């Protein structure tokens, strides 16, 4: 989306190349940050 493109461009303008979306920055209890967002968002949705 345009938001993703803008976010990537912002990071690049700050001198940081954003990591690839297919590589999890880290996993905690086998779940990535994106996965933990799903858990938190599900609870907040409820």
ModelCIF file with pLDDT and N, C-alpha, C, O atoms, coordinates in Angstrom:
data_MODEL
#
_entry.id   MODEL 
#
_entity.id                         1 
_entity.type                       polymer 
_entity.pdbx_number_of_molecules   1 
#
_entity_poly.entity_id                      1 
_entity_poly.type                           'polypeptide(L)' 
_entity_poly.nstd_linkage                   no 
_entity_poly.nstd_monomer                   no 
_entity_poly.pdbx_seq_one_letter_code       
;(UNK)(UNK)(UNK)(UNK)(UNK)(UNK)(UNK)(UNK)(UNK)(UNK)(UNK)(UNK)(UNK)(UNK)(UNK)(UNK)
(UNK)(UNK)(UNK)(UNK)(UNK)(UNK)(UNK)(UNK)(UNK)(UNK)(UNK)(UNK)(UNK)(UNK)(UNK)(UNK)
(UNK)(UNK)(UNK)(UNK)(UNK)(UNK)(UNK)(UNK)(UNK)(UNK)(UNK)(UNK)(UNK)(UNK)
;
_entity_poly.pdbx_seq_one_letter_code_can   XXXXXXXXXXXXXXXXXXXXXXXXXXXXXXXXXXXXXXXXXXXXXX 
_entity_poly.pdbx_strand_id                 A 
#
loop_
_entity_poly_seq.entity_id 
_entity_poly_seq.num 
_entity_poly_seq.mon_id 
_entity_poly_seq.hetero 
1 1  UNK n 
1 2  UNK n 
1 3  UNK n 
1 4  UNK n 
1 5  UNK n 
1 6  UNK n 
1 7  UNK n 
1 8  UNK n 
1 9  UNK n 
1 10 UNK n 
1 11 UNK n 
1 12 UNK n 
1 13 UNK n 
1 14 UNK n 
1 15 UNK n 
1 16 UNK n 
1 17 UNK n 
1 18 UNK n 
1 19 UNK n 
1 20 UNK n 
1 21 UNK n 
1 22 UNK n 
1 23 UNK n 
1 24 UNK n 
1 25 UNK n 
1 26 UNK n 
1 27 UNK n 
1 28 UNK n 
1 29 UNK n 
1 30 UNK n 
1 31 UNK n 
1 32 UNK n 
1 33 UNK n 
1 34 UNK n 
1 35 UNK n 
1 36 UNK n 
1 37 UNK n 
1 38 UNK n 
1 39 UNK n 
1 40 UNK n 
1 41 UNK n 
1 42 UNK n 
1 43 UNK n 
1 44 UNK n 
1 45 UNK n 
1 46 UNK n 
#
_struct_asym.id          A 
_struct_asym.entity_id   1 
#
loop_
_ma_qa_metric.id 
_ma_qa_metric.mode 
_ma_qa_metric.name 
_ma_qa_metric.software_group_id 
_ma_qa_metric.type 
1 global pLDDT . pLDDT 
2 local  pLDDT . pLDDT 
#
_ma_qa_metric_global.metric_id      1 
_ma_qa_metric_global.metric_value   75.24 
_ma_qa_metric_global.model_id       1 
_ma_qa_metric_global.ordinal_id     1 
#
loop_
_ma_qa_metric_local.label_asym_id 
_ma_qa_metric_local.label_comp_id 
_ma_qa_metric_local.label_seq_id 
_ma_qa_metric_local.metric_id 
_ma_qa_metric_local.metric_value 
_ma_qa_metric_local.model_id 
_ma_qa_metric_local.ordinal_id 
A UNK 1  2 43.00 1 1  
A UNK 2  2 44.00 1 2  
A UNK 3  2 49.00 1 3  
A UNK 4  2 50.00 1 4  
A UNK 5  2 53.00 1 5  
A UNK 6  2 57.00 1 6  
A UNK 7  2 55.00 1 7  
A UNK 8  2 53.00 1 8  
A UNK 9  2 61.00 1 9  
A UNK 10 2 58.00 1 10 
A UNK 11 2 51.00 1 11 
A UNK 12 2 58.00 1 12 
A UNK 13 2 60.00 1 13 
A UNK 14 2 59.00 1 14 
A UNK 15 2 60.00 1 15 
A UNK 16 2 61.00 1 16 
A UNK 17 2 65.00 1 17 
A UNK 18 2 67.00 1 18 
A UNK 19 2 77.00 1 19 
A UNK 20 2 82.00 1 20 
A UNK 21 2 83.00 1 21 
A UNK 22 2 80.00 1 22 
A UNK 23 2 77.00 1 23 
A UNK 24 2 75.00 1 24 
A UNK 25 2 74.00 1 25 
A UNK 26 2 73.00 1 26 
A UNK 27 2 76.00 1 27 
A UNK 28 2 80.00 1 28 
A UNK 29 2 86.00 1 29 
A UNK 30 2 83.00 1 30 
A UNK 31 2 85.00 1 31 
A UNK 32 2 89.00 1 32 
A UNK 33 2 89.00 1 33 
A UNK 34 2 90.00 1 34 
A UNK 35 2 92.00 1 35 
A UNK 36 2 92.00 1 36 
A UNK 37 2 95.00 1 37 
A UNK 38 2 96.00 1 38 
A UNK 39 2 97.00 1 39 
A UNK 40 2 98.00 1 40 
A UNK 41 2 98.00 1 41 
A UNK 42 2 98.00 1 42 
A UNK 43 2 98.00 1 43 
A UNK 44 2 98.00 1 44 
A UNK 45 2 98.00 1 45 
A UNK 46 2 98.00 1 46 
#
loop_
_atom_site.group_PDB 
_atom_site.id 
_atom_site.type_symbol 
_atom_site.label_atom_id 
_atom_site.label_alt_id 
_atom_site.label_comp_id 
_atom_site.label_asym_id 
_atom_site.label_entity_id 
_atom_site.label_seq_id 
_atom_site.pdbx_PDB_ins_code 
_atom_site.Cartn_x 
_atom_site.Cartn_y 
_atom_site.Cartn_z 
_atom_site.occupancy 
_atom_site.B_iso_or_equiv 
_atom_site.pdbx_formal_charge 
_atom_site.auth_seq_id 
_atom_site.auth_comp_id 
_atom_site.auth_asym_id 
_atom_site.auth_atom_id 
_atom_site.pdbx_PDB_model_num 
ATOM 1   N N  . UNK A 1 1  ? 0.847   -1.186  0.000  1.00 43.00 ? 1  UNK A N  1 
ATOM 2   C CA . UNK A 1 1  ? 0.000   0.000   0.000  1.00 43.00 ? 1  UNK A CA 1 
ATOM 3   C C  . UNK A 1 1  ? 0.878   1.229   0.000  1.00 43.00 ? 1  UNK A C  1 
ATOM 4   O O  . UNK A 1 1  ? 2.096   1.152   0.159  1.00 43.00 ? 1  UNK A O  1 
ATOM 5   N N  . UNK A 1 2  ? 0.233   2.361   -0.182 1.00 44.00 ? 2  UNK A N  1 
ATOM 6   C CA . UNK A 1 2  ? 1.001   3.606   -0.174 1.00 44.00 ? 2  UNK A CA 1 
ATOM 7   C C  . UNK A 1 2  ? 1.580   3.870   1.207  1.00 44.00 ? 2  UNK A C  1 
ATOM 8   O O  . UNK A 1 2  ? 2.651   4.466   1.316  1.00 44.00 ? 2  UNK A O  1 
ATOM 9   N N  . UNK A 1 3  ? 0.887   3.433   2.279  1.00 49.00 ? 3  UNK A N  1 
ATOM 10  C CA . UNK A 1 3  ? 1.409   3.633   3.624  1.00 49.00 ? 3  UNK A CA 1 
ATOM 11  C C  . UNK A 1 3  ? 2.700   2.851   3.809  1.00 49.00 ? 3  UNK A C  1 
ATOM 12  O O  . UNK A 1 3  ? 3.664   3.360   4.380  1.00 49.00 ? 3  UNK A O  1 
ATOM 13  N N  . UNK A 1 4  ? 2.718   1.607   3.321  1.00 50.00 ? 4  UNK A N  1 
ATOM 14  C CA . UNK A 1 4  ? 3.927   0.804   3.439  1.00 50.00 ? 4  UNK A CA 1 
ATOM 15  C C  . UNK A 1 4  ? 5.061   1.465   2.672  1.00 50.00 ? 4  UNK A C  1 
ATOM 16  O O  . UNK A 1 4  ? 6.187   1.536   3.163  1.00 50.00 ? 4  UNK A O  1 
ATOM 17  N N  . UNK A 1 5  ? 4.772   1.943   1.485  1.00 53.00 ? 5  UNK A N  1 
ATOM 18  C CA . UNK A 1 5  ? 5.793   2.607   0.672  1.00 53.00 ? 5  UNK A CA 1 
ATOM 19  C C  . UNK A 1 5  ? 6.326   3.846   1.383  1.00 53.00 ? 5  UNK A C  1 
ATOM 20  O O  . UNK A 1 5  ? 7.534   4.083   1.412  1.00 53.00 ? 5  UNK A O  1 
ATOM 21  N N  . UNK A 1 6  ? 5.422   4.631   1.952  1.00 57.00 ? 6  UNK A N  1 
ATOM 22  C CA . UNK A 1 6  ? 5.839   5.841   2.658  1.00 57.00 ? 6  UNK A CA 1 
ATOM 23  C C  . UNK A 1 6  ? 6.696   5.493   3.874  1.00 57.00 ? 6  UNK A C  1 
ATOM 24  O O  . UNK A 1 6  ? 7.685   6.172   4.149  1.00 57.00 ? 6  UNK A O  1 
ATOM 25  N N  . UNK A 1 7  ? 6.324   4.439   4.605  1.00 55.00 ? 7  UNK A N  1 
ATOM 26  C CA . UNK A 1 7  ? 7.093   4.032   5.780  1.00 55.00 ? 7  UNK A CA 1 
ATOM 27  C C  . UNK A 1 7  ? 8.492   3.606   5.369  1.00 55.00 ? 7  UNK A C  1 
ATOM 28  O O  . UNK A 1 7  ? 9.474   3.972   6.014  1.00 55.00 ? 7  UNK A O  1 
ATOM 29  N N  . UNK A 1 8  ? 8.580   2.830   4.293  1.00 53.00 ? 8  UNK A N  1 
ATOM 30  C CA . UNK A 1 8  ? 9.889   2.401   3.808  1.00 53.00 ? 8  UNK A CA 1 
ATOM 31  C C  . UNK A 1 8  ? 10.733  3.574   3.363  1.00 53.00 ? 8  UNK A C  1 
ATOM 32  O O  . UNK A 1 8  ? 11.932  3.621   3.637  1.00 53.00 ? 8  UNK A O  1 
ATOM 33  N N  . UNK A 1 9  ? 10.115  4.522   2.676  1.00 61.00 ? 9  UNK A N  1 
ATOM 34  C CA . UNK A 1 9  ? 10.844  5.710   2.226  1.00 61.00 ? 9  UNK A CA 1 
ATOM 35  C C  . UNK A 1 9  ? 11.319  6.543   3.407  1.00 61.00 ? 9  UNK A C  1 
ATOM 36  O O  . UNK A 1 9  ? 12.415  7.101   3.362  1.00 61.00 ? 9  UNK A O  1 
ATOM 37  N N  . UNK A 1 10 ? 10.517  6.638   4.462  1.00 58.00 ? 10 UNK A N  1 
ATOM 38  C CA . UNK A 1 10 ? 10.910  7.394   5.648  1.00 58.00 ? 10 UNK A CA 1 
ATOM 39  C C  . UNK A 1 10 ? 12.138  6.770   6.289  1.00 58.00 ? 10 UNK A C  1 
ATOM 40  O O  . UNK A 1 10 ? 13.086  7.478   6.630  1.00 58.00 ? 10 UNK A O  1 
ATOM 41  N N  . UNK A 1 11 ? 12.133  5.452   6.456  1.00 51.00 ? 11 UNK A N  1 
ATOM 42  C CA . UNK A 1 11 ? 13.292  4.785   7.049  1.00 51.00 ? 11 UNK A CA 1 
ATOM 43  C C  . UNK A 1 11 ? 14.535  4.987   6.188  1.00 51.00 ? 11 UNK A C  1 
ATOM 44  O O  . UNK A 1 11 ? 15.622  5.235   6.709  1.00 51.00 ? 11 UNK A O  1 
ATOM 45  N N  . UNK A 1 12 ? 14.374  4.881   4.872  1.00 58.00 ? 12 UNK A N  1 
ATOM 46  C CA . UNK A 1 12 ? 15.524  5.064   3.988  1.00 58.00 ? 12 UNK A CA 1 
ATOM 47  C C  . UNK A 1 12 ? 16.061  6.486   4.073  1.00 58.00 ? 12 UNK A C  1 
ATOM 48  O O  . UNK A 1 12 ? 17.272  6.696   4.005  1.00 58.00 ? 12 UNK A O  1 
ATOM 49  N N  . UNK A 1 13 ? 15.160  7.479   4.222  1.00 60.00 ? 13 UNK A N  1 
ATOM 50  C CA . UNK A 1 13 ? 15.620  8.865   4.322  1.00 60.00 ? 13 UNK A CA 1 
ATOM 51  C C  . UNK A 1 13 ? 16.368  9.110   5.626  1.00 60.00 ? 13 UNK A C  1 
ATOM 52  O O  . UNK A 1 13 ? 17.171  10.039  5.714  1.00 60.00 ? 13 UNK A O  1 
ATOM 53  N N  . UNK A 1 14 ? 16.112  8.286   6.640  1.00 59.00 ? 14 UNK A N  1 
ATOM 54  C CA . UNK A 1 14 ? 16.817  8.398   7.919  1.00 59.00 ? 14 UNK A CA 1 
ATOM 55  C C  . UNK A 1 14 ? 18.130  7.623   7.908  1.00 59.00 ? 14 UNK A C  1 
ATOM 56  O O  . UNK A 1 14 ? 18.817  7.532   8.925  1.00 59.00 ? 14 UNK A O  1 
ATOM 57  N N  . UNK A 1 15 ? 18.468  7.068   6.753  1.00 60.00 ? 15 UNK A N  1 
ATOM 58  C CA . UNK A 1 15 ? 19.726  6.340   6.637  1.00 60.00 ? 15 UNK A CA 1 
ATOM 59  C C  . UNK A 1 15 ? 19.631  4.891   7.047  1.00 60.00 ? 15 UNK A C  1 
ATOM 60  O O  . UNK A 1 15 ? 20.657  4.226   7.189  1.00 60.00 ? 15 UNK A O  1 
ATOM 61  N N  . UNK A 1 16 ? 18.423  4.381   7.242  1.00 61.00 ? 16 UNK A N  1 
ATOM 62  C CA . UNK A 1 16 ? 18.244  2.988   7.605  1.00 61.00 ? 16 UNK A CA 1 
ATOM 63  C C  . UNK A 1 16 ? 17.470  2.287   6.500  1.00 61.00 ? 16 UNK A C  1 
ATOM 64  O O  . UNK A 1 16 ? 16.423  2.762   6.059  1.00 61.00 ? 16 UNK A O  1 
ATOM 65  N N  . UNK A 1 17 ? 17.980  1.193   6.074  1.00 65.00 ? 17 UNK A N  1 
ATOM 66  C CA . UNK A 1 17 ? 17.272  0.364   5.104  1.00 65.00 ? 17 UNK A CA 1 
ATOM 67  C C  . UNK A 1 17 ? 16.363  -0.555  5.900  1.00 65.00 ? 17 UNK A C  1 
ATOM 68  O O  . UNK A 1 17 ? 16.850  -1.356  6.698  1.00 65.00 ? 17 UNK A O  1 
ATOM 69  N N  . UNK A 1 18 ? 15.035  -0.458  5.700  1.00 67.00 ? 18 UNK A N  1 
ATOM 70  C CA . UNK A 1 18 ? 14.151  -1.324  6.479  1.00 67.00 ? 18 UNK A CA 1 
ATOM 71  C C  . UNK A 1 18 ? 14.386  -2.788  6.140  1.00 67.00 ? 18 UNK A C  1 
ATOM 72  O O  . UNK A 1 18 ? 14.669  -3.122  4.989  1.00 67.00 ? 18 UNK A O  1 
ATOM 73  N N  . UNK A 1 19 ? 14.271  -3.665  7.135  1.00 77.00 ? 19 UNK A N  1 
ATOM 74  C CA . UNK A 1 19 ? 14.462  -5.089  6.878  1.00 77.00 ? 19 UNK A CA 1 
ATOM 75  C C  . UNK A 1 19 ? 13.346  -5.641  5.985  1.00 77.00 ? 19 UNK A C  1 
ATOM 76  O O  . UNK A 1 19 ? 12.296  -5.018  5.831  1.00 77.00 ? 19 UNK A O  1 
ATOM 77  N N  . UNK A 1 20 ? 13.580  -6.776  5.423  1.00 82.00 ? 20 UNK A N  1 
ATOM 78  C CA . UNK A 1 20 ? 12.593  -7.431  4.582  1.00 82.00 ? 20 UNK A CA 1 
ATOM 79  C C  . UNK A 1 20 ? 11.419  -7.897  5.436  1.00 82.00 ? 20 UNK A C  1 
ATOM 80  O O  . UNK A 1 20 ? 11.600  -8.317  6.579  1.00 82.00 ? 20 UNK A O  1 
ATOM 81  N N  . UNK A 1 21 ? 10.229  -7.819  4.881  1.00 83.00 ? 21 UNK A N  1 
ATOM 82  C CA . UNK A 1 21 ? 9.027   -8.219  5.606  1.00 83.00 ? 21 UNK A CA 1 
ATOM 83  C C  . UNK A 1 21 ? 8.940   -9.726  5.812  1.00 83.00 ? 21 UNK A C  1 
ATOM 84  O O  . UNK A 1 21 ? 8.171   -10.190 6.654  1.00 83.00 ? 21 UNK A O  1 
ATOM 85  N N  . UNK A 1 22 ? 9.718   -10.495 5.056  1.00 80.00 ? 22 UNK A N  1 
ATOM 86  C CA . UNK A 1 22 ? 9.639   -11.942 5.202  1.00 80.00 ? 22 UNK A CA 1 
ATOM 87  C C  . UNK A 1 22 ? 10.613  -12.497 6.237  1.00 80.00 ? 22 UNK A C  1 
ATOM 88  O O  . UNK A 1 22 ? 10.687  -13.711 6.428  1.00 80.00 ? 22 UNK A O  1 
ATOM 89  N N  . UNK A 1 23 ? 11.352  -11.630 6.898  1.00 77.00 ? 23 UNK A N  1 
ATOM 90  C CA . UNK A 1 23 ? 12.287  -12.045 7.941  1.00 77.00 ? 23 UNK A CA 1 
ATOM 91  C C  . UNK A 1 23 ? 11.818  -11.475 9.286  1.00 77.00 ? 23 UNK A C  1 
ATOM 92  O O  . UNK A 1 23 ? 11.812  -10.260 9.487  1.00 77.00 ? 23 UNK A O  1 
ATOM 93  N N  . UNK A 1 24 ? 11.428  -12.364 10.195 1.00 75.00 ? 24 UNK A N  1 
ATOM 94  C CA . UNK A 1 24 ? 11.012  -11.911 11.522 1.00 75.00 ? 24 UNK A CA 1 
ATOM 95  C C  . UNK A 1 24 ? 12.222  -11.371 12.273 1.00 75.00 ? 24 UNK A C  1 
ATOM 96  O O  . UNK A 1 24 ? 13.270  -12.016 12.317 1.00 75.00 ? 24 UNK A O  1 
ATOM 97  N N  . UNK A 1 25 ? 12.078  -10.184 12.865 1.00 74.00 ? 25 UNK A N  1 
ATOM 98  C CA . UNK A 1 25 ? 13.182  -9.582  13.621 1.00 74.00 ? 25 UNK A CA 1 
ATOM 99  C C  . UNK A 1 25 ? 13.545  -10.443 14.823 1.00 74.00 ? 25 UNK A C  1 
ATOM 100 O O  . UNK A 1 25 ? 14.701  -10.477 15.245 1.00 74.00 ? 25 UNK A O  1 
ATOM 101 N N  . UNK A 1 26 ? 12.581  -11.119 15.356 1.00 73.00 ? 26 UNK A N  1 
ATOM 102 C CA . UNK A 1 26 ? 12.805  -11.992 16.495 1.00 73.00 ? 26 UNK A CA 1 
ATOM 103 C C  . UNK A 1 26 ? 11.553  -12.796 16.779 1.00 73.00 ? 26 UNK A C  1 
ATOM 104 O O  . UNK A 1 26 ? 10.457  -12.428 16.357 1.00 73.00 ? 26 UNK A O  1 
ATOM 105 N N  . UNK A 1 27 ? 11.720  -13.883 17.488 1.00 76.00 ? 27 UNK A N  1 
ATOM 106 C CA . UNK A 1 27 ? 10.574  -14.714 17.887 1.00 76.00 ? 27 UNK A CA 1 
ATOM 107 C C  . UNK A 1 27 ? 10.654  -14.938 19.392 1.00 76.00 ? 27 UNK A C  1 
ATOM 108 O O  . UNK A 1 27 ? 11.716  -15.235 19.939 1.00 76.00 ? 27 UNK A O  1 
ATOM 109 N N  . UNK A 1 28 ? 9.521   -14.790 20.038 1.00 80.00 ? 28 UNK A N  1 
ATOM 110 C CA . UNK A 1 28 ? 9.422   -15.023 21.467 1.00 80.00 ? 28 UNK A CA 1 
ATOM 111 C C  . UNK A 1 28 ? 8.330   -16.058 21.676 1.00 80.00 ? 28 UNK A C  1 
ATOM 112 O O  . UNK A 1 28 ? 7.187   -15.860 21.263 1.00 80.00 ? 28 UNK A O  1 
ATOM 113 N N  . UNK A 1 29 ? 8.690   -17.170 22.324 1.00 86.00 ? 29 UNK A N  1 
ATOM 114 C CA . UNK A 1 29 ? 7.800   -18.320 22.475 1.00 86.00 ? 29 UNK A CA 1 
ATOM 115 C C  . UNK A 1 29 ? 7.337   -18.814 21.106 1.00 86.00 ? 29 UNK A C  1 
ATOM 116 O O  . UNK A 1 29 ? 6.220   -19.311 20.959 1.00 86.00 ? 29 UNK A O  1 
ATOM 117 N N  . UNK A 1 30 ? 8.208   -18.673 20.108 1.00 83.00 ? 30 UNK A N  1 
ATOM 118 C CA . UNK A 1 30 ? 7.919   -19.143 18.760 1.00 83.00 ? 30 UNK A CA 1 
ATOM 119 C C  . UNK A 1 30 ? 7.050   -18.222 17.932 1.00 83.00 ? 30 UNK A C  1 
ATOM 120 O O  . UNK A 1 30 ? 6.681   -18.559 16.807 1.00 83.00 ? 30 UNK A O  1 
ATOM 121 N N  . UNK A 1 31 ? 6.719   -17.055 18.477 1.00 85.00 ? 31 UNK A N  1 
ATOM 122 C CA . UNK A 1 31 ? 5.825   -16.124 17.781 1.00 85.00 ? 31 UNK A CA 1 
ATOM 123 C C  . UNK A 1 31 ? 6.582   -14.834 17.483 1.00 85.00 ? 31 UNK A C  1 
ATOM 124 O O  . UNK A 1 31 ? 7.269   -14.297 18.351 1.00 85.00 ? 31 UNK A O  1 
ATOM 125 N N  . UNK A 1 32 ? 6.454   -14.340 16.253 1.00 89.00 ? 32 UNK A N  1 
ATOM 126 C CA . UNK A 1 32 ? 7.122   -13.106 15.850 1.00 89.00 ? 32 UNK A CA 1 
ATOM 127 C C  . UNK A 1 32 ? 6.364   -11.894 16.391 1.00 89.00 ? 32 UNK A C  1 
ATOM 128 O O  . UNK A 1 32 ? 5.282   -12.030 16.962 1.00 89.00 ? 32 UNK A O  1 
ATOM 129 N N  . UNK A 1 33 ? 6.948   -10.706 16.203 1.00 89.00 ? 33 UNK A N  1 
ATOM 130 C CA . UNK A 1 33 ? 6.274   -9.471  16.614 1.00 89.00 ? 33 UNK A CA 1 
ATOM 131 C C  . UNK A 1 33 ? 4.926   -9.338  15.917 1.00 89.00 ? 33 UNK A C  1 
ATOM 132 O O  . UNK A 1 33 ? 3.942   -8.927  16.533 1.00 89.00 ? 33 UNK A O  1 
ATOM 133 N N  . UNK A 1 34 ? 4.881   -9.686  14.632 1.00 90.00 ? 34 UNK A N  1 
ATOM 134 C CA . UNK A 1 34 ? 3.617   -9.614  13.893 1.00 90.00 ? 34 UNK A CA 1 
ATOM 135 C C  . UNK A 1 34 ? 2.595   -10.572 14.505 1.00 90.00 ? 34 UNK A C  1 
ATOM 136 O O  . UNK A 1 34 ? 1.413   -10.243 14.608 1.00 90.00 ? 34 UNK A O  1 
ATOM 137 N N  . UNK A 1 35 ? 3.052   -11.745 14.905 1.00 92.00 ? 35 UNK A N  1 
ATOM 138 C CA . UNK A 1 35 ? 2.164   -12.710 15.549 1.00 92.00 ? 35 UNK A CA 1 
ATOM 139 C C  . UNK A 1 35 ? 1.652   -12.218 16.887 1.00 92.00 ? 35 UNK A C  1 
ATOM 140 O O  . UNK A 1 35 ? 0.480   -12.402 17.216 1.00 92.00 ? 35 UNK A O  1 
ATOM 141 N N  . UNK A 1 36 ? 2.534   -11.587 17.666 1.00 92.00 ? 36 UNK A N  1 
ATOM 142 C CA . UNK A 1 36 ? 2.099   -11.033 18.946 1.00 92.00 ? 36 UNK A CA 1 
ATOM 143 C C  . UNK A 1 36 ? 1.113   -9.887  18.738 1.00 92.00 ? 36 UNK A C  1 
ATOM 144 O O  . UNK A 1 36 ? 0.222   -9.675  19.562 1.00 92.00 ? 36 UNK A O  1 
ATOM 145 N N  . UNK A 1 37 ? 1.270   -9.149  17.638 1.00 95.00 ? 37 UNK A N  1 
ATOM 146 C CA . UNK A 1 37 ? 0.294   -8.107  17.324 1.00 95.00 ? 37 UNK A CA 1 
ATOM 147 C C  . UNK A 1 37 ? -1.075  -8.730  17.084 1.00 95.00 ? 37 UNK A C  1 
ATOM 148 O O  . UNK A 1 37 ? -2.092  -8.167  17.489 1.00 95.00 ? 37 UNK A O  1 
ATOM 149 N N  . UNK A 1 38 ? -1.111  -9.887  16.429 1.00 96.00 ? 38 UNK A N  1 
ATOM 150 C CA . UNK A 1 38 ? -2.382  -10.571 16.198 1.00 96.00 ? 38 UNK A CA 1 
ATOM 151 C C  . UNK A 1 38 ? -3.024  -10.944 17.527 1.00 96.00 ? 38 UNK A C  1 
ATOM 152 O O  . UNK A 1 38 ? -4.227  -10.754 17.709 1.00 96.00 ? 38 UNK A O  1 
ATOM 153 N N  . UNK A 1 39 ? -2.239  -11.468 18.451 1.00 97.00 ? 39 UNK A N  1 
ATOM 154 C CA . UNK A 1 39 ? -2.762  -11.862 19.765 1.00 97.00 ? 39 UNK A CA 1 
ATOM 155 C C  . UNK A 1 39 ? -3.312  -10.636 20.504 1.00 97.00 ? 39 UNK A C  1 
ATOM 156 O O  . UNK A 1 39 ? -4.431  -10.669 21.015 1.00 97.00 ? 39 UNK A O  1 
ATOM 157 N N  . UNK A 1 40 ? -2.528  -9.561  20.561 1.00 98.00 ? 40 UNK A N  1 
ATOM 158 C CA . UNK A 1 40 ? -2.965  -8.349  21.262 1.00 98.00 ? 40 UNK A CA 1 
ATOM 159 C C  . UNK A 1 40 ? -4.201  -7.745  20.604 1.00 98.00 ? 40 UNK A C  1 
ATOM 160 O O  . UNK A 1 40 ? -5.148  -7.358  21.288 1.00 98.00 ? 40 UNK A O  1 
ATOM 161 N N  . UNK A 1 41 ? -4.189  -7.667  19.279 1.00 98.00 ? 41 UNK A N  1 
ATOM 162 C CA . UNK A 1 41 ? -5.327  -7.085  18.566 1.00 98.00 ? 41 UNK A CA 1 
ATOM 163 C C  . UNK A 1 41 ? -6.581  -7.931  18.750 1.00 98.00 ? 41 UNK A C  1 
ATOM 164 O O  . UNK A 1 41 ? -7.681  -7.387  18.839 1.00 98.00 ? 41 UNK A O  1 
ATOM 165 N N  . UNK A 1 42 ? -6.433  -9.256  18.810 1.00 98.00 ? 42 UNK A N  1 
ATOM 166 C CA . UNK A 1 42 ? -7.595  -10.123 19.025 1.00 98.00 ? 42 UNK A CA 1 
ATOM 167 C C  . UNK A 1 42 ? -8.215  -9.866  20.398 1.00 98.00 ? 42 UNK A C  1 
ATOM 168 O O  . UNK A 1 42 ? -9.436  -9.773  20.525 1.00 98.00 ? 42 UNK A O  1 
ATOM 169 N N  . UNK A 1 43 ? -7.375  -9.754  21.417 1.00 98.00 ? 43 UNK A N  1 
ATOM 170 C CA . UNK A 1 43 ? -7.888  -9.466  22.763 1.00 98.00 ? 43 UNK A CA 1 
ATOM 171 C C  . UNK A 1 43 ? -8.568  -8.101  22.825 1.00 98.00 ? 43 UNK A C  1 
ATOM 172 O O  . UNK A 1 43 ? -9.632  -7.952  23.425 1.00 98.00 ? 43 UNK A O  1 
ATOM 173 N N  . UNK A 1 44 ? -7.943  -7.114  22.201 1.00 98.00 ? 44 UNK A N  1 
ATOM 174 C CA . UNK A 1 44 ? -8.525  -5.767  22.194 1.00 98.00 ? 44 UNK A CA 1 
ATOM 175 C C  . UNK A 1 44 ? -9.807  -5.725  21.361 1.00 98.00 ? 44 UNK A C  1 
ATOM 176 O O  . UNK A 1 44 ? -10.739 -4.991  21.690 1.00 98.00 ? 44 UNK A O  1 
ATOM 177 N N  . UNK A 1 45 ? -9.854  -6.507  20.290 1.00 98.00 ? 45 UNK A N  1 
ATOM 178 C CA . UNK A 1 45 ? -11.079 -6.600  19.489 1.00 98.00 ? 45 UNK A CA 1 
ATOM 179 C C  . UNK A 1 45 ? -12.210 -7.152  20.342 1.00 98.00 ? 45 UNK A C  1 
ATOM 180 O O  . UNK A 1 45 ? -13.323 -6.624  20.322 1.00 98.00 ? 45 UNK A O  1 
ATOM 181 N N  . UNK A 1 46 ? -11.927 -8.217  21.096 1.00 98.00 ? 46 UNK A N  1 
ATOM 182 C CA . UNK A 1 46 ? -12.956 -8.805  21.961 1.00 98.00 ? 46 UNK A CA 1 
ATOM 183 C C  . UNK A 1 46 ? -13.464 -7.788  22.991 1.00 98.00 ? 46 UNK A C  1 
ATOM 184 O O  . UNK A 1 46 ? -14.333 -8.111  23.801 1.00 98.00 ? 46 UNK A O  1 
#
